[in-house]
Amino acid sequence: MFNCFRRRSTSRALIESDARDLIERYGDNAYSEARVRQSDEARIIDSNRPAGHWERVKHEIKRQQSKK
């Protein structure tokens, strides 16, 4: 059970980190960039991310940008 919690925490931290990185790099276009990465997960540079990662990043970007 502890391992599951640790994996989830690590995954969440990676999602938040990637979302911040895309927002810093692409600004208002960060959501679009995450969407591109989601649709082309197999061919992107960060292909070492788990399946569905970029979809979760996309939602995190939307959440963070809606706070503005």
N, C-alpha and C. Protein backbone atom coordinates (compact mmCIF):
# COMPACT_ATOMS: atom_id res chain seq x y z
N MET A 1 0.83 -1.19 0.00
CA MET A 1 0.00 0.00 0.00
C MET A 1 0.88 1.26 0.00
N PHE A 2 1.95 1.23 0.78
CA PHE A 2 2.85 2.38 0.83
C PHE A 2 3.49 2.63 -0.53
N ASN A 3 3.85 1.55 -1.24
CA ASN A 3 4.45 1.70 -2.57
C ASN A 3 3.48 2.37 -3.54
N CYS A 4 2.23 2.03 -3.45
CA CYS A 4 1.21 2.65 -4.31
C CYS A 4 1.12 4.15 -4.03
N PHE A 5 1.13 4.52 -2.77
CA PHE A 5 1.07 5.93 -2.40
C PHE A 5 2.31 6.67 -2.89
N ARG A 6 3.47 6.04 -2.75
CA ARG A 6 4.72 6.66 -3.21
C ARG A 6 4.71 6.84 -4.73
N ARG A 7 4.26 5.84 -5.47
CA ARG A 7 4.18 5.97 -6.93
C ARG A 7 3.23 7.08 -7.34
N ARG A 8 2.11 7.17 -6.66
CA ARG A 8 1.13 8.21 -6.96
C ARG A 8 1.70 9.59 -6.67
N SER A 9 2.42 9.73 -5.57
CA SER A 9 3.04 11.02 -5.23
C SER A 9 4.10 11.40 -6.24
N THR A 10 4.89 10.42 -6.65
CA THR A 10 5.94 10.67 -7.65
C THR A 10 5.31 11.06 -8.97
N SER A 11 4.25 10.37 -9.36
CA SER A 11 3.56 10.67 -10.61
C SER A 11 2.96 12.08 -10.57
N ARG A 12 2.35 12.44 -9.46
CA ARG A 12 1.75 13.77 -9.30
C ARG A 12 2.82 14.85 -9.38
N ALA A 13 3.95 14.62 -8.76
CA ALA A 13 5.03 15.60 -8.79
C ALA A 13 5.55 15.78 -10.22
N LEU A 14 5.64 14.70 -10.99
CA LEU A 14 6.10 14.78 -12.37
C LEU A 14 5.08 15.52 -13.24
N ILE A 15 3.82 15.29 -13.00
CA ILE A 15 2.76 15.99 -13.74
C ILE A 15 2.84 17.49 -13.46
N GLU A 16 2.95 17.86 -12.20
CA GLU A 16 3.02 19.28 -11.85
C GLU A 16 4.29 19.92 -12.41
N SER A 17 5.39 19.20 -12.36
CA SER A 17 6.64 19.72 -12.89
C SER A 17 6.57 19.94 -14.40
N ASP A 18 6.04 18.96 -15.12
CA ASP A 18 5.92 19.11 -16.57
C ASP A 18 4.94 20.22 -16.93
N ALA A 19 3.87 20.36 -16.16
CA ALA A 19 2.90 21.44 -16.42
C ALA A 19 3.57 22.80 -16.23
N ARG A 20 4.32 22.96 -15.14
CA ARG A 20 5.04 24.23 -14.90
C ARG A 20 6.03 24.51 -16.02
N ASP A 21 6.77 23.48 -16.43
CA ASP A 21 7.76 23.66 -17.50
C ASP A 21 7.09 24.11 -18.80
N LEU A 22 5.98 23.49 -19.16
CA LEU A 22 5.29 23.88 -20.39
C LEU A 22 4.73 25.29 -20.28
N ILE A 23 4.20 25.65 -19.13
CA ILE A 23 3.66 27.00 -18.95
C ILE A 23 4.78 28.03 -19.06
N GLU A 24 5.93 27.73 -18.45
CA GLU A 24 7.06 28.66 -18.54
C GLU A 24 7.56 28.80 -19.98
N ARG A 25 7.62 27.69 -20.69
CA ARG A 25 8.16 27.69 -22.04
C ARG A 25 7.17 28.21 -23.08
N TYR A 26 5.91 27.83 -22.96
CA TYR A 26 4.93 28.13 -24.00
C TYR A 26 3.87 29.15 -23.59
N GLY A 27 3.84 29.55 -22.33
CA GLY A 27 2.87 30.54 -21.88
C GLY A 27 1.44 30.10 -22.12
N ASP A 28 0.68 30.96 -22.77
CA ASP A 28 -0.73 30.66 -23.02
C ASP A 28 -0.94 29.49 -23.98
N ASN A 29 0.10 29.08 -24.68
CA ASN A 29 0.00 27.95 -25.61
C ASN A 29 0.40 26.62 -24.97
N ALA A 30 0.61 26.61 -23.67
CA ALA A 30 1.04 25.40 -22.96
C ALA A 30 0.00 24.29 -23.08
N TYR A 31 -1.27 24.62 -22.97
CA TYR A 31 -2.32 23.62 -23.08
C TYR A 31 -2.28 22.97 -24.46
N SER A 32 -2.12 23.78 -25.48
CA SER A 32 -2.04 23.25 -26.86
C SER A 32 -0.83 22.33 -27.02
N GLU A 33 0.29 22.71 -26.45
CA GLU A 33 1.49 21.87 -26.53
C GLU A 33 1.27 20.54 -25.82
N ALA A 34 0.64 20.57 -24.66
CA ALA A 34 0.34 19.33 -23.94
C ALA A 34 -0.60 18.46 -24.76
N ARG A 35 -1.54 19.07 -25.44
CA ARG A 35 -2.48 18.33 -26.29
C ARG A 35 -1.74 17.66 -27.44
N VAL A 36 -0.78 18.36 -28.05
CA VAL A 36 0.02 17.78 -29.12
C VAL A 36 0.82 16.59 -28.58
N ARG A 37 1.43 16.76 -27.43
CA ARG A 37 2.21 15.68 -26.83
C ARG A 37 1.32 14.49 -26.48
N GLN A 38 0.11 14.78 -26.05
CA GLN A 38 -0.82 13.70 -25.71
C GLN A 38 -1.16 12.89 -26.96
N SER A 39 -1.42 13.57 -28.05
CA SER A 39 -1.84 12.86 -29.27
C SER A 39 -0.69 12.13 -29.94
N ASP A 40 0.54 12.50 -29.61
CA ASP A 40 1.71 11.90 -30.25
C ASP A 40 2.69 11.37 -29.21
N GLU A 41 2.14 10.77 -28.15
CA GLU A 41 2.95 10.33 -27.01
C GLU A 41 4.12 9.44 -27.40
N ALA A 42 3.95 8.59 -28.38
CA ALA A 42 4.99 7.62 -28.74
C ALA A 42 6.20 8.26 -29.41
N ARG A 43 6.02 9.42 -30.04
CA ARG A 43 7.11 10.00 -30.82
C ARG A 43 7.76 11.22 -30.20
N ILE A 44 7.32 11.66 -29.04
CA ILE A 44 7.87 12.88 -28.46
C ILE A 44 9.15 12.59 -27.68
N ILE A 45 9.90 13.62 -27.43
CA ILE A 45 11.17 13.50 -26.73
C ILE A 45 10.99 12.87 -25.35
N ASP A 46 9.96 13.26 -24.65
CA ASP A 46 9.72 12.78 -23.29
C ASP A 46 8.90 11.49 -23.31
N SER A 47 9.25 10.59 -24.21
CA SER A 47 8.46 9.37 -24.35
C SER A 47 8.65 8.41 -23.18
N ASN A 48 9.53 8.75 -22.26
CA ASN A 48 9.73 7.91 -21.09
C ASN A 48 8.65 8.13 -20.03
N ARG A 49 7.69 8.98 -20.32
CA ARG A 49 6.60 9.22 -19.39
C ARG A 49 5.59 8.07 -19.48
N PRO A 50 4.89 7.78 -18.38
CA PRO A 50 3.91 6.70 -18.41
C PRO A 50 2.72 7.04 -19.32
N ALA A 51 2.04 6.01 -19.76
CA ALA A 51 0.88 6.19 -20.62
C ALA A 51 -0.13 7.10 -19.94
N GLY A 52 -0.69 8.02 -20.68
CA GLY A 52 -1.70 8.94 -20.16
C GLY A 52 -1.12 10.14 -19.43
N HIS A 53 0.18 10.20 -19.33
CA HIS A 53 0.82 11.29 -18.58
C HIS A 53 0.46 12.66 -19.16
N TRP A 54 0.57 12.80 -20.47
CA TRP A 54 0.36 14.13 -21.07
C TRP A 54 -1.10 14.57 -20.99
N GLU A 55 -2.01 13.62 -20.94
CA GLU A 55 -3.41 14.00 -20.73
C GLU A 55 -3.58 14.61 -19.34
N ARG A 56 -2.94 14.00 -18.35
CA ARG A 56 -3.02 14.54 -16.99
C ARG A 56 -2.31 15.88 -16.89
N VAL A 57 -1.19 16.04 -17.62
CA VAL A 57 -0.49 17.32 -17.65
C VAL A 57 -1.40 18.39 -18.26
N LYS A 58 -2.09 18.02 -19.33
CA LYS A 58 -3.01 18.95 -20.00
C LYS A 58 -4.08 19.45 -19.01
N HIS A 59 -4.63 18.54 -18.22
CA HIS A 59 -5.64 18.94 -17.24
C HIS A 59 -5.04 19.80 -16.13
N GLU A 60 -3.81 19.50 -15.74
CA GLU A 60 -3.14 20.31 -14.72
C GLU A 60 -2.88 21.73 -15.24
N ILE A 61 -2.49 21.84 -16.49
CA ILE A 61 -2.27 23.17 -17.09
C ILE A 61 -3.58 23.95 -17.09
N LYS A 62 -4.64 23.30 -17.48
CA LYS A 62 -5.94 23.97 -17.50
C LYS A 62 -6.32 24.44 -16.09
N ARG A 63 -6.06 23.59 -15.10
CA ARG A 63 -6.38 23.95 -13.71
C ARG A 63 -5.55 25.15 -13.27
N GLN A 64 -4.24 25.12 -13.56
CA GLN A 64 -3.37 26.22 -13.14
C GLN A 64 -3.71 27.52 -13.87
N GLN A 65 -4.01 27.44 -15.15
CA GLN A 65 -4.30 28.66 -15.91
C GLN A 65 -5.67 29.23 -15.57
N SER A 66 -6.57 28.41 -15.08
CA SER A 66 -7.89 28.93 -14.70
C SER A 66 -7.81 29.72 -13.39
N LYS A 67 -6.73 29.53 -12.61
CA LYS A 67 -6.53 30.27 -11.37
C LYS A 67 -6.15 31.73 -11.63
N LYS A 68 -5.58 31.98 -12.80
CA LYS A 68 -5.09 33.34 -13.12
C LYS A 68 -6.18 34.36 -13.14
